[in-house]
């Protein structure tokens, strides 16, 4: 079996034909919904939802838009934060599990 690193998702893919039917985590690409894990062992309430805005020239990083005032359809209009791909997981965590400030409305 040959194992090679997947630079986009930070995981390893195998080329063994018997393993091709195994489910894999979707690739992290521009426009993908992700959640950021700030440190190993962090509670889910510390995760932050975001969308990948662009990939960095450095293959270990990408730019992610977080907290764009709930205007996710226009995330490209917001500044992305350089984020280590190893700290991202595909998909969003449930709203009731994220930080309170994400749900707070400006008065």
PDB file of N, CA and C in Angstrom:
ATOM      1  N   UNK A   1       0.847  -1.170   0.000  1.00  0.00           N
ATOM      2  CA  UNK A   1       0.000   0.000   0.000  1.00  0.00           C
ATOM      3  C   UNK A   1       0.893   1.234   0.000  1.00  0.00           C
ATOM      4  N   UNK A   2       0.576   2.198  -0.838  1.00  0.00           N
ATOM      5  CA  UNK A   2       1.315   3.448  -0.910  1.00  0.00           C
ATOM      6  C   UNK A   2       0.524   4.516  -0.175  1.00  0.00           C
ATOM      7  N   UNK A   3       1.195   5.256   0.709  1.00  0.00           N
ATOM      8  CA  UNK A   3       0.543   6.332   1.453  1.00  0.00           C
ATOM      9  C   UNK A   3       1.195   7.637   1.054  1.00  0.00           C
ATOM     10  N   UNK A   4       0.381   8.621   0.666  1.00  0.00           N
ATOM     11  CA  UNK A   4       0.931   9.918   0.313  1.00  0.00           C
ATOM     12  C   UNK A   4       0.133  11.016   0.995  1.00  0.00           C
ATOM     13  N   UNK A   5       0.808  12.093   1.389  1.00  0.00           N
ATOM     14  CA  UNK A   5       0.103  13.164   2.101  1.00  0.00           C
ATOM     15  C   UNK A   5      -0.823  13.933   1.176  1.00  0.00           C
ATOM     16  N   UNK A   6      -1.960  14.322   1.699  1.00  0.00           N
ATOM     17  CA  UNK A   6      -2.895  15.170   0.981  1.00  0.00           C
ATOM     18  C   UNK A   6      -2.673  16.573   1.524  1.00  0.00           C
ATOM     19  N   UNK A   7      -2.052  17.447   0.751  1.00  0.00           N
ATOM     20  CA  UNK A   7      -1.667  18.770   1.233  1.00  0.00           C
ATOM     21  C   UNK A   7      -2.866  19.676   1.483  1.00  0.00           C
ATOM     22  N   UNK A   8      -3.998  19.415   0.849  1.00  0.00           N
ATOM     23  CA  UNK A   8      -5.155  20.293   1.048  1.00  0.00           C
ATOM     24  C   UNK A   8      -5.846  19.991   2.363  1.00  0.00           C
ATOM     25  N   UNK A   9      -6.122  18.730   2.648  1.00  0.00           N
ATOM     26  CA  UNK A   9      -6.877  18.428   3.864  1.00  0.00           C
ATOM     27  C   UNK A   9      -5.989  18.101   5.052  1.00  0.00           C
ATOM     28  N   UNK A  10      -4.680  17.930   4.803  1.00  0.00           N
ATOM     29  CA  UNK A  10      -3.786  17.618   5.901  1.00  0.00           C
ATOM     30  C   UNK A  10      -3.879  16.160   6.338  1.00  0.00           C
ATOM     31  N   UNK A  11      -4.633  15.347   5.613  1.00  0.00           N
ATOM     32  CA  UNK A  11      -4.777  13.939   5.970  1.00  0.00           C
ATOM     33  C   UNK A  11      -3.955  13.100   4.994  1.00  0.00           C
ATOM     34  N   UNK A  12      -3.962  11.813   5.200  1.00  0.00           N
ATOM     35  CA  UNK A  12      -3.239  10.927   4.308  1.00  0.00           C
ATOM     36  C   UNK A  12      -4.228  10.101   3.503  1.00  0.00           C
ATOM     37  N   UNK A  13      -3.954   9.976   2.218  1.00  0.00           N
ATOM     38  CA  UNK A  13      -4.787   9.168   1.332  1.00  0.00           C
ATOM     39  C   UNK A  13      -4.012   7.923   0.954  1.00  0.00           C
ATOM     40  N   UNK A  14      -4.722   6.826   0.787  1.00  0.00           N
ATOM     41  CA  UNK A  14      -4.064   5.590   0.386  1.00  0.00           C
ATOM     42  C   UNK A  14      -4.428   5.277  -1.051  1.00  0.00           C
ATOM     43  N   UNK A  15      -3.539   4.608  -1.739  1.00  0.00           N
ATOM     44  CA  UNK A  15      -3.806   4.267  -3.123  1.00  0.00           C
ATOM     45  C   UNK A  15      -4.102   2.774  -3.292  1.00  0.00           C
ATOM     46  N   UNK A  16      -4.289   2.056  -2.216  1.00  0.00           N
ATOM     47  CA  UNK A  16      -4.623   0.644  -2.275  1.00  0.00           C
ATOM     48  C   UNK A  16      -6.028   0.498  -2.837  1.00  0.00           C
ATOM     49  N   UNK A  17      -6.199  -0.295  -3.910  1.00  0.00           N
ATOM     50  CA  UNK A  17      -7.502  -0.438  -4.565  1.00  0.00           C
ATOM     51  C   UNK A  17      -8.570  -0.968  -3.621  1.00  0.00           C
ATOM     52  N   UNK A  18      -8.202  -1.799  -2.654  1.00  0.00           N
ATOM     53  CA  UNK A  18      -9.184  -2.351  -1.718  1.00  0.00           C
ATOM     54  C   UNK A  18      -9.750  -1.281  -0.788  1.00  0.00           C
ATOM     55  N   UNK A  19      -9.030  -0.186  -0.620  1.00  0.00           N
ATOM     56  CA  UNK A  19      -9.475   0.865   0.282  1.00  0.00           C
ATOM     57  C   UNK A  19     -10.210   1.992  -0.432  1.00  0.00           C
ATOM     58  N   UNK A  20     -10.305   1.944  -1.770  1.00  0.00           N
ATOM     59  CA  UNK A  20     -10.943   3.013  -2.519  1.00  0.00           C
ATOM     60  C   UNK A  20     -12.419   3.190  -2.175  1.00  0.00           C
ATOM     61  N   UNK A  21     -13.069   2.161  -1.668  1.00  0.00           N
ATOM     62  CA  UNK A  21     -14.482   2.263  -1.325  1.00  0.00           C
ATOM     63  C   UNK A  21     -14.702   2.815   0.083  1.00  0.00           C
ATOM     64  N   UNK A  22     -13.607   3.030   0.838  1.00  0.00           N
ATOM     65  CA  UNK A  22     -13.741   3.574   2.185  1.00  0.00           C
ATOM     66  C   UNK A  22     -14.123   5.043   2.105  1.00  0.00           C
ATOM     67  N   UNK A  23     -15.039   5.506   2.970  1.00  0.00           N
ATOM     68  CA  UNK A  23     -15.407   6.920   2.948  1.00  0.00           C
ATOM     69  C   UNK A  23     -14.233   7.790   3.395  1.00  0.00           C
ATOM     70  N   UNK A  24     -14.093   8.937   2.758  1.00  0.00           N
ATOM     71  CA  UNK A  24     -13.030   9.877   3.110  1.00  0.00           C
ATOM     72  C   UNK A  24     -13.653  11.209   3.476  1.00  0.00           C
ATOM     73  N   UNK A  25     -12.955  11.964   4.320  1.00  0.00           N
ATOM     74  CA  UNK A  25     -13.404  13.304   4.653  1.00  0.00           C
ATOM     75  C   UNK A  25     -13.334  14.157   3.385  1.00  0.00           C
ATOM     76  N   UNK A  26     -14.361  14.979   3.116  1.00  0.00           N
ATOM     77  CA  UNK A  26     -14.326  15.830   1.920  1.00  0.00           C
ATOM     78  C   UNK A  26     -13.095  16.733   1.931  1.00  0.00           C
ATOM     79  N   UNK A  27     -12.630  17.100   0.744  1.00  0.00           N
ATOM     80  CA  UNK A  27     -11.459  17.954   0.638  1.00  0.00           C
ATOM     81  C   UNK A  27     -11.797  19.370   1.081  1.00  0.00           C
ATOM     82  N   UNK A  28     -10.830  20.020   1.662  1.00  0.00           N
ATOM     83  CA  UNK A  28     -10.998  21.415   2.044  1.00  0.00           C
ATOM     84  C   UNK A  28     -10.656  22.265   0.827  1.00  0.00           C
ATOM     85  N   UNK A  29     -11.667  22.913   0.269  1.00  0.00           N
ATOM     86  CA  UNK A  29     -11.512  23.732  -0.920  1.00  0.00           C
ATOM     87  C   UNK A  29     -12.137  25.099  -0.675  1.00  0.00           C
ATOM     88  N   UNK A  30     -11.869  26.043  -1.551  1.00  0.00           N
ATOM     89  CA  UNK A  30     -12.459  27.370  -1.451  1.00  0.00           C
ATOM     90  C   UNK A  30     -13.977  27.226  -1.441  1.00  0.00           C
ATOM     91  N   UNK A  31     -14.628  27.893  -0.497  1.00  0.00           N
ATOM     92  CA  UNK A  31     -16.076  27.835  -0.358  1.00  0.00           C
ATOM     93  C   UNK A  31     -16.567  26.762   0.597  1.00  0.00           C
ATOM     94  N   UNK A  32     -15.657  25.926   1.108  1.00  0.00           N
ATOM     95  CA  UNK A  32     -16.053  24.847   2.020  1.00  0.00           C
ATOM     96  C   UNK A  32     -16.370  25.402   3.409  1.00  0.00           C
ATOM     97  N   UNK A  33     -17.439  24.897   4.011  1.00  0.00           N
ATOM     98  CA  UNK A  33     -17.774  25.231   5.393  1.00  0.00           C
ATOM     99  C   UNK A  33     -16.884  24.393   6.302  1.00  0.00           C
ATOM    100  N   UNK A  34     -16.227  25.066   7.235  1.00  0.00           N
ATOM    101  CA  UNK A  34     -15.300  24.397   8.143  1.00  0.00           C
ATOM    102  C   UNK A  34     -15.508  24.911   9.559  1.00  0.00           C
ATOM    103  N   UNK A  35     -14.965  24.194  10.510  1.00  0.00           N
ATOM    104  CA  UNK A  35     -14.893  24.730  11.864  1.00  0.00           C
ATOM    105  C   UNK A  35     -13.455  24.625  12.352  1.00  0.00           C
ATOM    106  N   UNK A  36     -13.074  25.653  13.102  1.00  0.00           N
ATOM    107  CA  UNK A  36     -11.716  25.813  13.615  1.00  0.00           C
ATOM    108  C   UNK A  36     -11.661  25.277  15.037  1.00  0.00           C
ATOM    109  N   UNK A  37     -10.642  24.481  15.308  1.00  0.00           N
ATOM    110  CA  UNK A  37     -10.417  23.938  16.645  1.00  0.00           C
ATOM    111  C   UNK A  37      -9.176  24.633  17.195  1.00  0.00           C
ATOM    112  N   UNK A  38      -9.324  25.551  18.175  1.00  0.00           N
ATOM    113  CA  UNK A  38      -8.214  26.384  18.611  1.00  0.00           C
ATOM    114  C   UNK A  38      -7.050  25.640  19.268  1.00  0.00           C
ATOM    115  N   UNK A  39      -7.315  24.515  19.919  1.00  0.00           N
ATOM    116  CA  UNK A  39      -6.236  23.742  20.531  1.00  0.00           C
ATOM    117  C   UNK A  39      -6.724  22.317  20.760  1.00  0.00           C
ATOM    118  N   UNK A  40      -5.792  21.382  20.876  1.00  0.00           N
ATOM    119  CA  UNK A  40      -6.123  19.979  21.109  1.00  0.00           C
ATOM    120  C   UNK A  40      -6.874  19.846  22.425  1.00  0.00           C
ATOM    121  N   UNK A  41      -7.994  19.162  22.397  1.00  0.00           N
ATOM    122  CA  UNK A  41      -8.787  18.961  23.601  1.00  0.00           C
ATOM    123  C   UNK A  41      -9.784  20.078  23.869  1.00  0.00           C
ATOM    124  N   UNK A  42      -9.874  21.037  22.952  1.00  0.00           N
ATOM    125  CA  UNK A  42     -10.809  22.159  23.147  1.00  0.00           C
ATOM    126  C   UNK A  42     -12.242  21.646  23.175  1.00  0.00           C
ATOM    127  N   UNK A  43     -13.065  22.236  24.032  1.00  0.00           N
ATOM    128  CA  UNK A  43     -14.482  21.898  24.097  1.00  0.00           C
ATOM    129  C   UNK A  43     -15.167  22.426  22.841  1.00  0.00           C
ATOM    130  N   UNK A  44     -16.204  21.732  22.392  1.00  0.00           N
ATOM    131  CA  UNK A  44     -16.911  22.138  21.171  1.00  0.00           C
ATOM    132  C   UNK A  44     -17.436  23.565  21.238  1.00  0.00           C
ATOM    133  N   UNK A  45     -17.681  24.082  22.439  1.00  0.00           N
ATOM    134  CA  UNK A  45     -18.178  25.450  22.552  1.00  0.00           C
ATOM    135  C   UNK A  45     -17.113  26.474  22.138  1.00  0.00           C
ATOM    136  N   UNK A  46     -15.851  26.044  22.031  1.00  0.00           N
ATOM    137  CA  UNK A  46     -14.770  26.935  21.603  1.00  0.00           C
ATOM    138  C   UNK A  46     -14.501  26.875  20.105  1.00  0.00           C
ATOM    139  N   UNK A  47     -15.167  25.985  19.389  1.00  0.00           N
ATOM    140  CA  UNK A  47     -14.980  25.880  17.946  1.00  0.00           C
ATOM    141  C   UNK A  47     -15.589  27.105  17.270  1.00  0.00           C
ATOM    142  N   UNK A  48     -15.009  27.496  16.140  1.00  0.00           N
ATOM    143  CA  UNK A  48     -15.537  28.621  15.388  1.00  0.00           C
ATOM    144  C   UNK A  48     -15.848  28.181  13.968  1.00  0.00           C
ATOM    145  N   UNK A  49     -17.055  28.485  13.505  1.00  0.00           N
ATOM    146  CA  UNK A  49     -17.455  28.176  12.138  1.00  0.00           C
ATOM    147  C   UNK A  49     -16.887  29.212  11.186  1.00  0.00           C
ATOM    148  N   UNK A  50     -16.580  28.768   9.969  1.00  0.00           N
ATOM    149  CA  UNK A  50     -16.075  29.676   8.950  1.00  0.00           C
ATOM    150  C   UNK A  50     -16.214  29.070   7.573  1.00  0.00           C
ATOM    151  N   UNK A  51     -15.800  29.846   6.579  1.00  0.00           N
ATOM    152  CA  UNK A  51     -15.788  29.393   5.187  1.00  0.00           C
ATOM    153  C   UNK A  51     -14.413  29.714   4.614  1.00  0.00           C
ATOM    154  N   UNK A  52     -13.840  28.751   3.892  1.00  0.00           N
ATOM    155  CA  UNK A  52     -12.531  28.969   3.286  1.00  0.00           C
ATOM    156  C   UNK A  52     -12.673  29.976   2.150  1.00  0.00           C
ATOM    157  N   UNK A  53     -11.938  31.090   2.268  1.00  0.00           N
ATOM    158  CA  UNK A  53     -11.984  32.147   1.254  1.00  0.00           C
ATOM    159  C   UNK A  53     -10.952  31.894   0.159  1.00  0.00           C
ATOM    160  N   UNK A  54      -9.745  31.478   0.541  1.00  0.00           N
ATOM    161  CA  UNK A  54      -8.701  31.195  -0.446  1.00  0.00           C
ATOM    162  C   UNK A  54      -7.623  30.329   0.189  1.00  0.00           C
ATOM    163  N   UNK A  55      -6.810  29.724  -0.674  1.00  0.00           N
ATOM    164  CA  UNK A  55      -5.708  28.899  -0.215  1.00  0.00           C
ATOM    165  C   UNK A  55      -4.444  29.761  -0.228  1.00  0.00           C
ATOM    166  N   UNK A  56      -3.550  29.533   0.721  1.00  0.00           N
ATOM    167  CA  UNK A  56      -2.273  30.250   0.798  1.00  0.00           C
ATOM    168  C   UNK A  56      -1.255  29.590  -0.124  1.00  0.00           C
ATOM    169  N   UNK A  57      -0.208  30.340  -0.440  1.00  0.00           N
ATOM    170  CA  UNK A  57       0.899  29.733  -1.178  1.00  0.00           C
ATOM    171  C   UNK A  57       1.569  28.673  -0.327  1.00  0.00           C
ATOM    172  N   UNK A  58       1.583  28.881   0.982  1.00  0.00           N
ATOM    173  CA  UNK A  58       2.102  27.890   1.919  1.00  0.00           C
ATOM    174  C   UNK A  58       1.048  26.786   2.014  1.00  0.00           C
ATOM    175  N   UNK A  59       1.367  25.558   1.614  1.00  0.00           N
ATOM    176  CA  UNK A  59       0.350  24.503   1.558  1.00  0.00           C
ATOM    177  C   UNK A  59      -0.258  24.105   2.902  1.00  0.00           C
ATOM    178  N   UNK A  60       0.286  24.541   4.005  1.00  0.00           N
ATOM    179  CA  UNK A  60      -0.238  24.182   5.313  1.00  0.00           C
ATOM    180  C   UNK A  60      -1.263  25.175   5.847  1.00  0.00           C
ATOM    181  N   UNK A  61      -1.595  26.202   5.056  1.00  0.00           N
ATOM    182  CA  UNK A  61      -2.485  27.263   5.534  1.00  0.00           C
ATOM    183  C   UNK A  61      -3.499  27.661   4.470  1.00  0.00           C
ATOM    184  N   UNK A  62      -4.594  28.264   4.934  1.00  0.00           N
ATOM    185  CA  UNK A  62      -5.590  28.850   4.043  1.00  0.00           C
ATOM    186  C   UNK A  62      -6.178  30.069   4.750  1.00  0.00           C
ATOM    187  N   UNK A  63      -6.940  30.873   4.016  1.00  0.00           N
ATOM    188  CA  UNK A  63      -7.617  32.020   4.606  1.00  0.00           C
ATOM    189  C   UNK A  63      -9.079  31.653   4.829  1.00  0.00           C
ATOM    190  N   UNK A  64      -9.549  31.856   6.068  1.00  0.00           N
ATOM    191  CA  UNK A  64     -10.910  31.494   6.449  1.00  0.00           C
ATOM    192  C   UNK A  64     -11.631  32.737   6.963  1.00  0.00           C
ATOM    193  N   UNK A  65     -12.869  32.925   6.535  1.00  0.00           N
ATOM    194  CA  UNK A  65     -13.708  34.012   7.032  1.00  0.00           C
ATOM    195  C   UNK A  65     -14.519  33.471   8.192  1.00  0.00           C
ATOM    196  N   UNK A  66     -14.419  34.153   9.344  1.00  0.00           N
ATOM    197  CA  UNK A  66     -15.184  33.811  10.541  1.00  0.00           C
ATOM    198  C   UNK A  66     -16.081  34.997  10.887  1.00  0.00           C
ATOM    199  N   UNK A  67     -17.206  34.733  11.502  1.00  0.00           N
ATOM    200  CA  UNK A  67     -18.060  35.783  12.083  1.00  0.00           C
ATOM    201  C   UNK A  67     -18.316  36.953  11.133  1.00  0.00           C
ATOM    202  N   UNK A  68     -18.880  36.690  10.007  1.00  0.00           N
ATOM    203  CA  UNK A  68     -19.151  37.768   9.056  1.00  0.00           C
ATOM    204  C   UNK A  68     -20.563  38.316   9.257  1.00  0.00           C
ATOM    205  N   UNK A  69     -20.943  38.502  10.505  1.00  0.00           N
ATOM    206  CA  UNK A  69     -22.246  39.061  10.881  1.00  0.00           C
ATOM    207  C   UNK A  69     -23.396  38.230  10.312  1.00  0.00           C
ATOM    208  N   UNK A  70     -23.162  36.938  10.143  1.00  0.00           N
ATOM    209  CA  UNK A  70     -24.206  36.061   9.617  1.00  0.00           C
ATOM    210  C   UNK A  70     -24.447  36.216   8.128  1.00  0.00           C
ATOM    211  N   UNK A  71     -23.629  37.007   7.453  1.00  0.00           N
ATOM    212  CA  UNK A  71     -23.785  37.274   6.022  1.00  0.00           C
ATOM    213  C   UNK A  71     -22.965  36.262   5.212  1.00  0.00           C
ATOM    214  N   UNK A  72     -23.219  34.996   5.448  1.00  0.00           N
ATOM    215  CA  UNK A  72     -22.404  33.928   4.858  1.00  0.00           C
ATOM    216  C   UNK A  72     -22.486  33.882   3.339  1.00  0.00           C
ATOM    217  N   UNK A  73     -23.585  34.310   2.747  1.00  0.00           N
ATOM    218  CA  UNK A  73     -23.699  34.306   1.280  1.00  0.00           C
ATOM    219  C   UNK A  73     -22.694  35.261   0.636  1.00  0.00           C
ATOM    220  N   UNK A  74     -22.246  36.237   1.383  1.00  0.00           N
ATOM    221  CA  UNK A  74     -21.297  37.231   0.866  1.00  0.00           C
ATOM    222  C   UNK A  74     -19.956  37.160   1.588  1.00  0.00           C
ATOM    223  N   UNK A  75     -19.556  35.970   1.999  1.00  0.00           N
ATOM    224  CA  UNK A  75     -18.312  35.810   2.763  1.00  0.00           C
ATOM    225  C   UNK A  75     -17.102  36.357   2.012  1.00  0.00           C
ATOM    226  N   UNK A  76     -17.152  36.381   0.692  1.00  0.00           N
ATOM    227  CA  UNK A  76     -16.010  36.869  -0.093  1.00  0.00           C
ATOM    228  C   UNK A  76     -15.775  38.369   0.103  1.00  0.00           C
ATOM    229  N   UNK A  77     -16.756  39.077   0.648  1.00  0.00           N
ATOM    230  CA  UNK A  77     -16.610  40.517   0.907  1.00  0.00           C
ATOM    231  C   UNK A  77     -15.905  40.799   2.226  1.00  0.00           C
ATOM    232  N   UNK A  78     -15.543  39.751   2.979  1.00  0.00           N
ATOM    233  CA  UNK A  78     -14.933  39.906   4.298  1.00  0.00           C
ATOM    234  C   UNK A  78     -13.480  39.440   4.273  1.00  0.00           C
ATOM    235  N   UNK A  79     -12.706  39.928   5.215  1.00  0.00           N
ATOM    236  CA  UNK A  79     -11.292  39.563   5.321  1.00  0.00           C
ATOM    237  C   UNK A  79     -11.154  38.169   5.916  1.00  0.00           C
ATOM    238  N   UNK A  80     -10.335  37.345   5.271  1.00  0.00           N
ATOM    239  CA  UNK A  80     -10.067  36.008   5.788  1.00  0.00           C
ATOM    240  C   UNK A  80      -8.887  36.029   6.736  1.00  0.00           C
ATOM    241  N   UNK A  81      -8.893  35.112   7.679  1.00  0.00           N
ATOM    242  CA  UNK A  81      -7.798  34.988   8.642  1.00  0.00           C
ATOM    243  C   UNK A  81      -6.938  33.792   8.260  1.00  0.00           C
ATOM    244  N   UNK A  82      -5.628  33.985   8.224  1.00  0.00           N
ATOM    245  CA  UNK A  82      -4.709  32.879   7.897  1.00  0.00           C
ATOM    246  C   UNK A  82      -4.828  31.826   8.989  1.00  0.00           C
ATOM    247  N   UNK A  83      -5.160  30.613   8.581  1.00  0.00           N
ATOM    248  CA  UNK A  83      -5.440  29.540   9.529  1.00  0.00           C
ATOM    249  C   UNK A  83      -4.701  28.268   9.111  1.00  0.00           C
ATOM    250  N   UNK A  84      -4.123  27.587  10.077  1.00  0.00           N
ATOM    251  CA  UNK A  84      -3.450  26.311   9.812  1.00  0.00           C
ATOM    252  C   UNK A  84      -4.497  25.262   9.449  1.00  0.00           C
ATOM    253  N   UNK A  85      -4.303  24.600   8.334  1.00  0.00           N
ATOM    254  CA  UNK A  85      -5.253  23.593   7.865  1.00  0.00           C
ATOM    255  C   UNK A  85      -5.418  22.466   8.875  1.00  0.00           C
ATOM    256  N   UNK A  86      -4.365  22.147   9.607  1.00  0.00           N
ATOM    257  CA  UNK A  86      -4.447  21.063  10.585  1.00  0.00           C
ATOM    258  C   UNK A  86      -5.424  21.375  11.719  1.00  0.00           C
ATOM    259  N   UNK A  87      -5.800  22.642  11.873  1.00  0.00           N
ATOM    260  CA  UNK A  87      -6.742  23.023  12.920  1.00  0.00           C
ATOM    261  C   UNK A  87      -8.171  23.160  12.389  1.00  0.00           C
ATOM    262  N   UNK A  88      -8.401  22.749  11.152  1.00  0.00           N
ATOM    263  CA  UNK A  88      -9.731  22.829  10.554  1.00  0.00           C
ATOM    264  C   UNK A  88     -10.322  21.446  10.361  1.00  0.00           C
ATOM    265  N   UNK A  89     -11.610  21.362  10.523  1.00  0.00           N
ATOM    266  CA  UNK A  89     -12.366  20.158  10.204  1.00  0.00           C
ATOM    267  C   UNK A  89     -13.504  20.561   9.282  1.00  0.00           C
ATOM    268  N   UNK A  90     -13.846  19.674   8.378  1.00  0.00           N
ATOM    269  CA  UNK A  90     -14.904  19.950   7.412  1.00  0.00           C
ATOM    270  C   UNK A  90     -16.266  20.036   8.101  1.00  0.00           C
ATOM    271  N   UNK A  91     -17.080  20.999   7.679  1.00  0.00           N
ATOM    272  CA  UNK A  91     -18.442  21.152   8.197  1.00  0.00           C
ATOM    273  C   UNK A  91     -18.504  22.100   9.383  1.00  0.00           C
ATOM    274  N   UNK A  92     -19.706  22.523   9.706  1.00  0.00           N
ATOM    275  CA  UNK A  92     -19.939  23.423  10.827  1.00  0.00           C
ATOM    276  C   UNK A  92     -20.441  22.656  12.031  1.00  0.00           C
ATOM    277  N   UNK A  93     -20.124  23.170  13.228  1.00  0.00           N
ATOM    278  CA  UNK A  93     -20.705  22.626  14.448  1.00  0.00           C
ATOM    279  C   UNK A  93     -22.073  23.274  14.611  1.00  0.00           C
ATOM    280  N   UNK A  94     -22.938  22.642  15.382  1.00  0.00           N
ATOM    281  CA  UNK A  94     -24.281  23.173  15.599  1.00  0.00           C
ATOM    282  C   UNK A  94     -24.214  24.541  16.237  1.00  0.00           C
ATOM    283  N   UNK A  95     -25.134  25.418  15.870  1.00  0.00           N
ATOM    284  CA  UNK A  95     -25.150  26.796  16.395  1.00  0.00           C
ATOM    285  C   UNK A  95     -25.172  26.843  17.908  1.00  0.00           C
ATOM    286  N   UNK A  96     -25.939  25.972  18.560  1.00  0.00           N
ATOM    287  CA  UNK A  96     -26.042  26.031  20.010  1.00  0.00           C
ATOM    288  C   UNK A  96     -24.762  25.569  20.703  1.00  0.00           C
ATOM    289  N   UNK A  97     -23.776  25.065  19.943  1.00  0.00           N
ATOM    290  CA  UNK A  97     -22.518  24.626  20.530  1.00  0.00           C
ATOM    291  C   UNK A  97     -21.394  25.628  20.307  1.00  0.00           C
ATOM    292  N   UNK A  98     -21.618  26.668  19.500  1.00  0.00           N
ATOM    293  CA  UNK A  98     -20.558  27.619  19.206  1.00  0.00           C
ATOM    294  C   UNK A  98     -20.537  28.733  20.227  1.00  0.00           C
ATOM    295  N   UNK A  99     -19.547  29.579  20.128  1.00  0.00           N
ATOM    296  CA  UNK A  99     -19.391  30.677  21.076  1.00  0.00           C
ATOM    297  C   UNK A  99     -20.599  31.613  21.038  1.00  0.00           C
ATOM    298  N   UNK A 100     -20.935  32.174  22.182  1.00  0.00           N
ATOM    299  CA  UNK A 100     -22.093  33.049  22.298  1.00  0.00           C
ATOM    300  C   UNK A 100     -22.000  34.255  21.386  1.00  0.00           C
ATOM    301  N   UNK A 101     -20.813  34.836  21.205  1.00  0.00           N
ATOM    302  CA  UNK A 101     -20.722  36.065  20.420  1.00  0.00           C
ATOM    303  C   UNK A 101     -21.115  35.852  18.960  1.00  0.00           C
ATOM    304  N   UNK A 102     -21.100  34.623  18.490  1.00  0.00           N
ATOM    305  CA  UNK A 102     -21.514  34.356  17.115  1.00  0.00           C
ATOM    306  C   UNK A 102     -23.017  34.570  16.942  1.00  0.00           C
ATOM    307  N   UNK A 103     -23.775  34.390  18.006  1.00  0.00           N
ATOM    308  CA  UNK A 103     -25.223  34.538  17.929  1.00  0.00           C
ATOM    309  C   UNK A 103     -25.704  35.891  18.445  1.00  0.00           C
ATOM    310  N   UNK A 104     -24.802  36.675  19.031  1.00  0.00           N
ATOM    311  CA  UNK A 104     -25.189  37.949  19.616  1.00  0.00           C
ATOM    312  C   UNK A 104     -25.493  38.959  18.530  1.00  0.00           C
ATOM    313  N   UNK A 105     -26.587  39.667  18.659  1.00  0.00           N
ATOM    314  CA  UNK A 105     -26.986  40.702  17.704  1.00  0.00           C
ATOM    315  C   UNK A 105     -26.485  42.056  18.197  1.00  0.00           C
ATOM    316  N   UNK A 106     -26.103  42.913  17.281  1.00  0.00           N
ATOM    317  CA  UNK A 106     -25.717  44.277  17.647  1.00  0.00           C
ATOM    318  C   UNK A 106     -26.978  45.060  17.929  1.00  0.00           C
ATOM    319  N   UNK A 107     -26.990  45.779  19.053  1.00  0.00           N
ATOM    320  CA  UNK A 107     -28.197  46.542  19.425  1.00  0.00           C
ATOM    321  C   UNK A 107     -28.074  47.978  19.067  1.00  0.00           C
TER     322      UNK A 107
END
